[in-house]
Protein backbone atom coordinates (compact mmCIF):
# COMPACT_ATOMS: atom_id res chain seq x y z
CA GLY A 1 -4.30 -6.22 4.35
CA VAL A 2 -1.90 -3.42 5.12
CA HIS A 3 -2.85 -0.56 6.93
CA PHE A 4 -1.19 2.50 8.72
CA ASP A 5 -1.34 4.50 11.91
CA PHE A 6 -1.98 8.33 11.40
CA ASP A 7 0.22 10.40 9.68
CA LYS A 8 2.76 7.52 9.43
CA ALA A 9 4.23 5.20 6.38
CA THR A 10 5.90 3.01 8.92
CA LEU A 11 5.15 -0.51 8.15
CA LYS A 12 3.46 -2.19 11.40
CA PRO A 13 4.51 -5.82 12.50
CA GLU A 14 1.18 -6.97 11.46
CA ALA A 15 1.62 -6.00 7.76
CA LYS A 16 5.10 -7.07 7.68
CA ALA A 17 3.38 -10.88 7.89
CA VAL A 18 0.72 -10.01 5.51
CA LEU A 19 3.85 -8.48 3.09
CA ASN A 20 5.70 -11.77 3.70
CA GLU A 21 2.92 -13.95 2.65
CA ALA A 22 2.50 -11.54 -0.73
CA ALA A 23 6.33 -12.01 -1.61
CA ALA A 24 5.89 -15.53 -1.68
CA LEU A 25 2.71 -15.75 -3.69
CA LEU A 26 5.10 -13.21 -6.06
CA ALA A 27 7.99 -15.78 -5.93
CA LYS A 28 5.37 -18.57 -7.02
CA HIS A 29 4.17 -16.60 -9.85
CA GLU A 30 6.96 -14.79 -11.16
CA ARG A 31 5.11 -13.19 -14.47
CA VAL A 32 3.06 -11.33 -12.04
CA VAL A 33 3.39 -7.68 -12.22
CA VAL A 34 1.82 -5.54 -9.40
CA GLU A 35 0.87 -1.44 -9.01
CA VAL A 36 1.29 -1.02 -5.07
CA ALA A 37 -1.42 1.39 -4.50
CA GLY A 38 -0.84 3.71 -1.45
CA HIS A 39 -4.29 5.37 0.36
CA THR A 40 -5.01 7.82 3.18
CA ASP A 41 -8.22 8.91 5.18
CA SER A 42 -9.35 12.34 4.63
CA THR A 43 -7.72 14.20 7.29
CA GLY A 44 -5.67 16.87 6.51
CA PRO A 45 -4.95 18.99 3.33
CA GLU A 46 -5.23 16.73 -0.02
CA ALA A 47 -1.43 17.34 -0.81
CA TYR A 48 -0.10 16.74 1.75
CA ASN A 49 -2.13 13.31 2.01
CA GLN A 50 -0.91 12.60 -1.73
CA GLY A 51 2.61 12.85 -0.97
CA LEU A 52 1.61 10.35 2.40
CA SER A 53 -0.06 7.92 0.27
CA GLU A 54 2.93 7.83 -1.83
CA ARG A 55 5.44 7.15 0.87
CA ARG A 56 3.62 4.68 1.96
CA ALA A 57 3.14 2.70 -1.49
CA MET A 58 6.85 2.88 -1.69
CA ALA A 59 7.72 1.41 2.27
CA VAL A 60 5.83 -1.51 0.79
CA GLN A 61 7.83 -1.77 -2.37
CA ASP A 62 10.60 -1.24 -0.77
CA TYR A 63 10.05 -4.07 1.75
CA LEU A 64 9.00 -6.07 -1.05
CA VAL A 65 12.19 -5.87 -2.83
CA GLU A 66 14.15 -6.38 0.53
CA LYS A 67 12.16 -9.95 0.30
CA GLY A 68 13.61 -10.68 -2.97
CA VAL A 69 10.95 -9.41 -5.73
CA ARG A 70 12.17 -7.79 -8.72
CA ALA A 71 11.54 -3.78 -8.25
CA SER A 72 10.82 -4.10 -12.31
CA ARG A 73 7.93 -6.04 -11.14
CA LEU A 74 6.35 -3.34 -8.92
CA SER A 75 5.05 0.05 -9.31
CA ALA A 76 4.29 2.22 -6.64
CA LYS A 77 1.49 5.15 -6.74
CA GLY A 78 -0.03 7.06 -4.49
CA TYR A 79 -3.48 8.38 -4.68
CA GLY A 80 -4.08 10.21 -1.44
CA GLU A 81 -7.54 10.65 -0.32
CA SER A 82 -9.28 10.14 -3.87
CA THR A 83 -10.43 6.35 -3.41
CA PRO A 84 -11.35 5.38 -0.08
CA ILE A 85 -13.46 1.95 0.83
CA ASP A 86 -15.19 4.08 3.65
CA PRO A 87 -16.28 7.50 2.83
CA ALA A 88 -18.07 7.53 6.45
CA GLU A 89 -16.04 10.51 8.39
CA ASN A 90 -15.47 8.49 11.53
CA LYS A 91 -12.24 6.91 13.26
CA ALA A 92 -13.45 3.34 12.25
CA ALA A 93 -13.69 4.77 8.80
CA TYR A 94 -10.35 6.44 8.86
CA GLU A 95 -8.51 3.63 9.82
CA LYS A 96 -9.89 1.73 6.93
CA ASN A 97 -8.84 4.24 4.36
CA ARG A 98 -5.27 4.42 5.58
CA ARG A 99 -3.73 1.72 3.61
CA VAL A 100 -2.07 -0.13 0.52
CA GLN A 101 -3.50 -2.09 -2.01
CA PHE A 102 -2.29 -4.37 -4.83
CA VAL A 103 -3.75 -4.41 -8.41
CA ILE A 104 -2.39 -6.32 -10.60
CA LEU A 105 -1.17 -5.31 -13.58
CA GLU A 106 -0.19 -8.51 -15.65
CA GLN A 107 -0.40 -12.16 -15.08
CA ASP A 108 0.11 -15.29 -17.09
């Protein structure tokens, strides 16, 4: 998956490798439309986390567009800290929750 460092919206090298694969898959399946969903951990103010999740989603969307995916097939949305995949309050859970996921909106 695509995970982020604390308080960052910068893509790590391992995230770029995952996104290169995603761009290749999207190139093969040109009718797929995807929401790029950004998330944060619960550290910090909720309003700040909302903005951070939006910046993360935009960073991924921008990267995919740079790799040739049409922007019209992507939408970026931030969910802040509202949908953790691990609700625990510890370092490992926080790391899992700082992520971007893809949600398929349309396909053949």
